[in-house]
Each structure stands twice: as C-alpha cells, then as structure tokens.
Amino acid sequence: MAIMGLPAEGYVRVHHIIGCSKRGLKPVIPVSRATWWAGVKSGKFPKGILLSPAIRVWSVESIRELMAEMGRAA
C-alpha cells in the first residue's frame, strides 16, 4: 500500500520524490529539481544509489527518514 505516493518498500527515482506533472506524480517532498540536487550535493538530502551513469535511486526507507526529519508525515 502506498502512503503519500511512496510504495511500501523498495526504491524510487527522483520524479517519485519531487513529483512529475507529465507522469501524474504528486510530490512527497515539494521542492524543485534544482533544489533537490543541490540538497543531495550539500548533504541535506540522501545521496541515493547510482545504478548507472544516468540512473540514481533512493530507498523508500531513506526518503521516509528524511520526511520525518523535515517534520512531514511519513
């Protein structure tokens, strides 16, 4: 069962986290793409796992932990 647009477990890509109107995905962390990547670079947001040079994923657990730190319902 998905809560706030996240699956119960597994991995998600950036568009699942910040939302994507083209794909009909609502953001679970409402920041822009540029803000997300700046946060990843600065360490504010988790770095994720690089699957290939063009594909990075984040564990649902790490996103829920980030949401808890930000005071958002997980």
PDB file of N, CA and C in Angstrom:
ATOM      1  N   MET A   1       0.842  -1.186   0.000  1.00  0.00           N
ATOM      2  CA  MET A   1       0.000   0.000   0.000  1.00  0.00           C
ATOM      3  C   MET A   1       0.886   1.247   0.000  1.00  0.00           C
ATOM      4  N   ALA A   2       0.629   2.161  -0.887  1.00  0.00           N
ATOM      5  CA  ALA A   2       1.413   3.385  -0.982  1.00  0.00           C
ATOM      6  C   ALA A   2       0.883   4.436  -0.018  1.00  0.00           C
ATOM      7  N   ILE A   3       1.803   5.108   0.655  1.00  0.00           N
ATOM      8  CA  ILE A   3       1.449   6.212   1.541  1.00  0.00           C
ATOM      9  C   ILE A   3       2.094   7.459   0.975  1.00  0.00           C
ATOM     10  N   MET A   4       1.291   8.485   0.736  1.00  0.00           N
ATOM     11  CA  MET A   4       1.782   9.755   0.201  1.00  0.00           C
ATOM     12  C   MET A   4       2.564   9.563  -1.090  1.00  0.00           C
ATOM     13  N   GLY A   5       2.162   8.631  -1.928  1.00  0.00           N
ATOM     14  CA  GLY A   5       2.804   8.459  -3.213  1.00  0.00           C
ATOM     15  C   GLY A   5       4.024   7.566  -3.204  1.00  0.00           C
ATOM     16  N   LEU A   6       4.426   7.061  -2.046  1.00  0.00           N
ATOM     17  CA  LEU A   6       5.571   6.165  -1.970  1.00  0.00           C
ATOM     18  C   LEU A   6       5.105   4.732  -1.838  1.00  0.00           C
ATOM     19  N   PRO A   7       5.821   3.794  -2.475  1.00  0.00           N
ATOM     20  CA  PRO A   7       5.488   2.386  -2.246  1.00  0.00           C
ATOM     21  C   PRO A   7       5.846   1.993  -0.820  1.00  0.00           C
ATOM     22  N   ALA A   8       5.394   0.861  -0.391  1.00  0.00           N
ATOM     23  CA  ALA A   8       5.658   0.405   0.974  1.00  0.00           C
ATOM     24  C   ALA A   8       7.138   0.135   1.205  1.00  0.00           C
ATOM     25  N   GLU A   9       7.832  -0.334   0.182  1.00  0.00           N
ATOM     26  CA  GLU A   9       9.260  -0.625   0.282  1.00  0.00           C
ATOM     27  C   GLU A   9       9.874  -0.570  -1.098  1.00  0.00           C
ATOM     28  N   GLY A  10      11.181  -0.665  -1.148  1.00  0.00           N
ATOM     29  CA  GLY A  10      11.872  -0.670  -2.432  1.00  0.00           C
ATOM     30  C   GLY A  10      12.617   0.629  -2.681  1.00  0.00           C
ATOM     31  N   TYR A  11      12.713   0.979  -3.967  1.00  0.00           N
ATOM     32  CA  TYR A  11      13.477   2.145  -4.393  1.00  0.00           C
ATOM     33  C   TYR A  11      12.637   3.034  -5.291  1.00  0.00           C
ATOM     34  N   VAL A  12      12.926   4.330  -5.254  1.00  0.00           N
ATOM     35  CA  VAL A  12      12.214   5.292  -6.097  1.00  0.00           C
ATOM     36  C   VAL A  12      13.220   6.201  -6.790  1.00  0.00           C
ATOM     37  N   ARG A  13      12.795   6.763  -7.913  1.00  0.00           N
ATOM     38  CA  ARG A  13      13.628   7.727  -8.624  1.00  0.00           C
ATOM     39  C   ARG A  13      13.191   9.129  -8.232  1.00  0.00           C
ATOM     40  N   VAL A  14      13.955  10.107  -8.670  1.00  0.00           N
ATOM     41  CA  VAL A  14      13.727  11.489  -8.237  1.00  0.00           C
ATOM     42  C   VAL A  14      12.315  11.972  -8.566  1.00  0.00           C
ATOM     43  N   HIS A  15      11.752  11.575  -9.698  1.00  0.00           N
ATOM     44  CA  HIS A  15      10.414  12.058 -10.051  1.00  0.00           C
ATOM     45  C   HIS A  15       9.343  11.519  -9.096  1.00  0.00           C
ATOM     46  N   HIS A  16       9.596  10.403  -8.435  1.00  0.00           N
ATOM     47  CA  HIS A  16       8.657   9.906  -7.425  1.00  0.00           C
ATOM     48  C   HIS A  16       8.731  10.743  -6.156  1.00  0.00           C
ATOM     49  N   ILE A  17       9.883  11.351  -5.914  1.00  0.00           N
ATOM     50  CA  ILE A  17      10.091  12.125  -4.686  1.00  0.00           C
ATOM     51  C   ILE A  17       9.585  13.560  -4.843  1.00  0.00           C
ATOM     52  N   ILE A  18      10.006  14.227  -5.919  1.00  0.00           N
ATOM     53  CA  ILE A  18       9.656  15.643  -6.083  1.00  0.00           C
ATOM     54  C   ILE A  18       8.427  15.846  -6.954  1.00  0.00           C
ATOM     55  N   GLY A  19       7.880  14.766  -7.498  1.00  0.00           N
ATOM     56  CA  GLY A  19       6.687  14.855  -8.329  1.00  0.00           C
ATOM     57  C   GLY A  19       7.023  15.100  -9.788  1.00  0.00           C
ATOM     58  N   CYS A  20       6.059  14.773 -10.634  1.00  0.00           N
ATOM     59  CA  CYS A  20       6.220  14.970 -12.078  1.00  0.00           C
ATOM     60  C   CYS A  20       4.831  15.100 -12.684  1.00  0.00           C
ATOM     61  N   SER A  21       4.508  16.301 -13.145  1.00  0.00           N
ATOM     62  CA  SER A  21       3.168  16.514 -13.705  1.00  0.00           C
ATOM     63  C   SER A  21       2.953  15.709 -14.977  1.00  0.00           C
ATOM     64  N   LYS A  22       3.994  15.494 -15.771  1.00  0.00           N
ATOM     65  CA  LYS A  22       3.868  14.705 -17.002  1.00  0.00           C
ATOM     66  C   LYS A  22       3.466  13.265 -16.703  1.00  0.00           C
ATOM     67  N   ARG A  23       3.928  12.745 -15.572  1.00  0.00           N
ATOM     68  CA  ARG A  23       3.638  11.359 -15.191  1.00  0.00           C
ATOM     69  C   ARG A  23       2.495  11.265 -14.189  1.00  0.00           C
ATOM     70  N   GLY A  24       1.940  12.401 -13.807  1.00  0.00           N
ATOM     71  CA  GLY A  24       0.831  12.415 -12.860  1.00  0.00           C
ATOM     72  C   GLY A  24       1.247  12.063 -11.443  1.00  0.00           C
ATOM     73  N   LEU A  25       2.500  12.355 -11.095  1.00  0.00           N
ATOM     74  CA  LEU A  25       3.002  12.037  -9.758  1.00  0.00           C
ATOM     75  C   LEU A  25       3.016  13.280  -8.883  1.00  0.00           C
ATOM     76  N   LYS A  26       2.409  13.191  -7.734  1.00  0.00           N
ATOM     77  CA  LYS A  26       2.400  14.307  -6.784  1.00  0.00           C
ATOM     78  C   LYS A  26       3.672  14.220  -5.942  1.00  0.00           C
ATOM     79  N   PRO A  27       4.219  15.365  -5.559  1.00  0.00           N
ATOM     80  CA  PRO A  27       5.455  15.338  -4.765  1.00  0.00           C
ATOM     81  C   PRO A  27       5.224  14.867  -3.336  1.00  0.00           C
ATOM     82  N   VAL A  28       6.176  14.098  -2.821  1.00  0.00           N
ATOM     83  CA  VAL A  28       6.151  13.759  -1.399  1.00  0.00           C
ATOM     84  C   VAL A  28       7.052  14.733  -0.652  1.00  0.00           C
ATOM     85  N   ILE A  29       8.031  15.292  -1.350  1.00  0.00           N
ATOM     86  CA  ILE A  29       8.856  16.384  -0.830  1.00  0.00           C
ATOM     87  C   ILE A  29       8.789  17.486  -1.884  1.00  0.00           C
ATOM     88  N   PRO A  30       7.990  18.516  -1.644  1.00  0.00           N
ATOM     89  CA  PRO A  30       7.727  19.534  -2.668  1.00  0.00           C
ATOM     90  C   PRO A  30       8.861  20.551  -2.840  1.00  0.00           C
ATOM     91  N   VAL A  31       9.889  20.138  -3.560  1.00  0.00           N
ATOM     92  CA  VAL A  31      10.990  21.039  -3.904  1.00  0.00           C
ATOM     93  C   VAL A  31      11.226  20.918  -5.406  1.00  0.00           C
ATOM     94  N   SER A  32      11.904  21.892  -5.967  1.00  0.00           N
ATOM     95  CA  SER A  32      12.222  21.827  -7.395  1.00  0.00           C
ATOM     96  C   SER A  32      13.343  20.818  -7.633  1.00  0.00           C
ATOM     97  N   ARG A  33      13.510  20.441  -8.870  1.00  0.00           N
ATOM     98  CA  ARG A  33      14.580  19.515  -9.248  1.00  0.00           C
ATOM     99  C   ARG A  33      15.945  20.108  -8.867  1.00  0.00           C
ATOM    100  N   ALA A  34      16.137  21.400  -9.148  1.00  0.00           N
ATOM    101  CA  ALA A  34      17.409  22.054  -8.830  1.00  0.00           C
ATOM    102  C   ALA A  34      17.665  22.060  -7.325  1.00  0.00           C
ATOM    103  N   THR A  35      16.617  22.317  -6.538  1.00  0.00           N
ATOM    104  CA  THR A  35      16.756  22.314  -5.083  1.00  0.00           C
ATOM    105  C   THR A  35      17.086  20.918  -4.580  1.00  0.00           C
ATOM    106  N   TRP A  36      16.432  19.907  -5.154  1.00  0.00           N
ATOM    107  CA  TRP A  36      16.711  18.530  -4.748  1.00  0.00           C
ATOM    108  C   TRP A  36      18.179  18.193  -4.966  1.00  0.00           C
ATOM    109  N   TRP A  37      18.685  18.458  -6.181  1.00  0.00           N
ATOM    110  CA  TRP A  37      20.066  18.090  -6.490  1.00  0.00           C
ATOM    111  C   TRP A  37      21.065  18.926  -5.697  1.00  0.00           C
ATOM    112  N   ALA A  38      20.751  20.169  -5.409  1.00  0.00           N
ATOM    113  CA  ALA A  38      21.625  20.993  -4.558  1.00  0.00           C
ATOM    114  C   ALA A  38      21.662  20.408  -3.149  1.00  0.00           C
ATOM    115  N   GLY A  39      20.511  19.938  -2.666  1.00  0.00           N
ATOM    116  CA  GLY A  39      20.443  19.310  -1.354  1.00  0.00           C
ATOM    117  C   GLY A  39      21.205  18.001  -1.288  1.00  0.00           C
ATOM    118  N   VAL A  40      21.158  17.233  -2.371  1.00  0.00           N
ATOM    119  CA  VAL A  40      21.927  15.986  -2.433  1.00  0.00           C
ATOM    120  C   VAL A  40      23.419  16.318  -2.391  1.00  0.00           C
ATOM    121  N   LYS A  41      23.817  17.315  -3.175  1.00  0.00           N
ATOM    122  CA  LYS A  41      25.223  17.705  -3.240  1.00  0.00           C
ATOM    123  C   LYS A  41      25.725  18.217  -1.887  1.00  0.00           C
ATOM    124  N   SER A  42      24.896  18.987  -1.186  1.00  0.00           N
ATOM    125  CA  SER A  42      25.311  19.570   0.094  1.00  0.00           C
ATOM    126  C   SER A  42      25.203  18.589   1.266  1.00  0.00           C
ATOM    127  N   GLY A  43      24.506  17.470   1.078  1.00  0.00           N
ATOM    128  CA  GLY A  43      24.321  16.507   2.155  1.00  0.00           C
ATOM    129  C   GLY A  43      23.016  16.681   2.917  1.00  0.00           C
ATOM    130  N   LYS A  44      22.211  17.665   2.549  1.00  0.00           N
ATOM    131  CA  LYS A  44      20.913  17.885   3.200  1.00  0.00           C
ATOM    132  C   LYS A  44      19.952  16.741   2.883  1.00  0.00           C
ATOM    133  N   PHE A  45      20.025  16.219   1.657  1.00  0.00           N
ATOM    134  CA  PHE A  45      19.197  15.100   1.216  1.00  0.00           C
ATOM    135  C   PHE A  45      20.095  13.887   0.979  1.00  0.00           C
ATOM    136  N   PRO A  46      19.552  12.670   1.079  1.00  0.00           N
ATOM    137  CA  PRO A  46      20.371  11.469   0.882  1.00  0.00           C
ATOM    138  C   PRO A  46      20.928  11.390  -0.549  1.00  0.00           C
ATOM    139  N   LYS A  47      22.108  10.804  -0.675  1.00  0.00           N
ATOM    140  CA  LYS A  47      22.773  10.711  -1.971  1.00  0.00           C
ATOM    141  C   LYS A  47      22.146   9.670  -2.894  1.00  0.00           C
ATOM    142  N   GLY A  48      21.514   8.664  -2.359  1.00  0.00           N
ATOM    143  CA  GLY A  48      20.919   7.634  -3.191  1.00  0.00           C
ATOM    144  C   GLY A  48      21.958   6.637  -3.674  1.00  0.00           C
ATOM    145  N   ILE A  49      21.522   5.760  -4.574  1.00  0.00           N
ATOM    146  CA  ILE A  49      22.362   4.699  -5.116  1.00  0.00           C
ATOM    147  C   ILE A  49      22.443   4.882  -6.620  1.00  0.00           C
ATOM    148  N   LEU A  50      23.644   4.924  -7.146  1.00  0.00           N
ATOM    149  CA  LEU A  50      23.845   5.087  -8.576  1.00  0.00           C
ATOM    150  C   LEU A  50      23.789   3.716  -9.241  1.00  0.00           C
ATOM    151  N   LEU A  51      22.768   3.505 -10.084  1.00  0.00           N
ATOM    152  CA  LEU A  51      22.628   2.224 -10.786  1.00  0.00           C
ATOM    153  C   LEU A  51      23.388   2.224 -12.101  1.00  0.00           C
ATOM    154  N   SER A  52      23.447   3.372 -12.734  1.00  0.00           N
ATOM    155  CA  SER A  52      24.192   3.557 -13.982  1.00  0.00           C
ATOM    156  C   SER A  52      24.547   5.037 -14.047  1.00  0.00           C
ATOM    157  N   PRO A  53      25.320   5.461 -15.037  1.00  0.00           N
ATOM    158  CA  PRO A  53      25.675   6.880 -15.101  1.00  0.00           C
ATOM    159  C   PRO A  53      24.469   7.829 -15.147  1.00  0.00           C
ATOM    160  N   ALA A  54      23.329   7.344 -15.601  1.00  0.00           N
ATOM    161  CA  ALA A  54      22.162   8.212 -15.743  1.00  0.00           C
ATOM    162  C   ALA A  54      21.000   7.862 -14.815  1.00  0.00           C
ATOM    163  N   ILE A  55      21.151   6.841 -13.981  1.00  0.00           N
ATOM    164  CA  ILE A  55      20.041   6.400 -13.130  1.00  0.00           C
ATOM    165  C   ILE A  55      20.473   6.320 -11.671  1.00  0.00           C
ATOM    166  N   ARG A  56      19.799   7.118 -10.839  1.00  0.00           N
ATOM    167  CA  ARG A  56      20.039   7.107  -9.394  1.00  0.00           C
ATOM    168  C   ARG A  56      18.696   6.827  -8.716  1.00  0.00           C
ATOM    169  N   VAL A  57      18.723   6.006  -7.681  1.00  0.00           N
ATOM    170  CA  VAL A  57      17.516   5.672  -6.931  1.00  0.00           C
ATOM    171  C   VAL A  57      17.758   5.907  -5.444  1.00  0.00           C
ATOM    172  N   TRP A  58      16.652   6.047  -4.716  1.00  0.00           N
ATOM    173  CA  TRP A  58      16.697   6.228  -3.270  1.00  0.00           C
ATOM    174  C   TRP A  58      15.818   5.169  -2.644  1.00  0.00           C
ATOM    175  N   SER A  59      16.245   4.627  -1.512  1.00  0.00           N
ATOM    176  CA  SER A  59      15.403   3.660  -0.814  1.00  0.00           C
ATOM    177  C   SER A  59      14.213   4.408  -0.218  1.00  0.00           C
ATOM    178  N   VAL A  60      13.082   3.762  -0.211  1.00  0.00           N
ATOM    179  CA  VAL A  60      11.889   4.359   0.380  1.00  0.00           C
ATOM    180  C   VAL A  60      12.148   4.661   1.850  1.00  0.00           C
ATOM    181  N   GLU A  61      12.902   3.790   2.503  1.00  0.00           N
ATOM    182  CA  GLU A  61      13.227   3.999   3.917  1.00  0.00           C
ATOM    183  C   GLU A  61      13.982   5.314   4.118  1.00  0.00           C
ATOM    184  N   SER A  62      14.957   5.616   3.261  1.00  0.00           N
ATOM    185  CA  SER A  62      15.733   6.854   3.420  1.00  0.00           C
ATOM    186  C   SER A  62      14.862   8.086   3.169  1.00  0.00           C
ATOM    187  N   ILE A  63      13.904   7.977   2.259  1.00  0.00           N
ATOM    188  CA  ILE A  63      13.001   9.105   1.990  1.00  0.00           C
ATOM    189  C   ILE A  63      12.045   9.303   3.162  1.00  0.00           C
ATOM    190  N   ARG A  64      11.552   8.216   3.729  1.00  0.00           N
ATOM    191  CA  ARG A  64      10.678   8.333   4.911  1.00  0.00           C
ATOM    192  C   ARG A  64      11.444   8.944   6.098  1.00  0.00           C
ATOM    193  N   GLU A  65      12.714   8.558   6.268  1.00  0.00           N
ATOM    194  CA  GLU A  65      13.526   9.144   7.336  1.00  0.00           C
ATOM    195  C   GLU A  65      13.708  10.640   7.102  1.00  0.00           C
ATOM    196  N   LEU A  66      13.963  11.032   5.854  1.00  0.00           N
ATOM    197  CA  LEU A  66      14.102  12.447   5.520  1.00  0.00           C
ATOM    198  C   LEU A  66      12.809  13.195   5.813  1.00  0.00           C
ATOM    199  N   MET A  67      11.684  12.612   5.450  1.00  0.00           N
ATOM    200  CA  MET A  67      10.393  13.242   5.713  1.00  0.00           C
ATOM    201  C   MET A  67      10.172  13.412   7.210  1.00  0.00           C
ATOM    202  N   ALA A  68      10.562  12.418   8.011  1.00  0.00           N
ATOM    203  CA  ALA A  68      10.420  12.506   9.471  1.00  0.00           C
ATOM    204  C   ALA A  68      11.299  13.635  10.011  1.00  0.00           C
ATOM    205  N   GLU A  69      12.527  13.744   9.493  1.00  0.00           N
ATOM    206  CA  GLU A  69      13.425  14.822   9.928  1.00  0.00           C
ATOM    207  C   GLU A  69      12.861  16.183   9.574  1.00  0.00           C
ATOM    208  N   MET A  70      12.167  16.272   8.433  1.00  0.00           N
ATOM    209  CA  MET A  70      11.593  17.535   7.976  1.00  0.00           C
ATOM    210  C   MET A  70      10.265  17.828   8.654  1.00  0.00           C
ATOM    211  N   GLY A  71       9.763  16.862   9.443  1.00  0.00           N
ATOM    212  CA  GLY A  71       8.505  17.067  10.140  1.00  0.00           C
ATOM    213  C   GLY A  71       7.283  16.813   9.268  1.00  0.00           C
ATOM    214  N   ARG A  72       7.480  16.057   8.187  1.00  0.00           N
ATOM    215  CA  ARG A  72       6.355  15.703   7.311  1.00  0.00           C
ATOM    216  C   ARG A  72       5.890  14.314   7.669  1.00  0.00           C
ATOM    217  N   ALA A  73       4.605  14.054   7.509  1.00  0.00           N
ATOM    218  CA  ALA A  73       4.060  12.729   7.805  1.00  0.00           C
ATOM    219  C   ALA A  73       4.663  11.699   6.868  1.00  0.00           C
ATOM    220  N   ALA A  74       5.093  10.590   7.406  1.00  0.00           N
ATOM    221  CA  ALA A  74       5.655   9.525   6.585  1.00  0.00           C
ATOM    222  C   ALA A  74       4.642   8.425   6.506  1.00  0.00           C
TER     223      ALA A  74
END
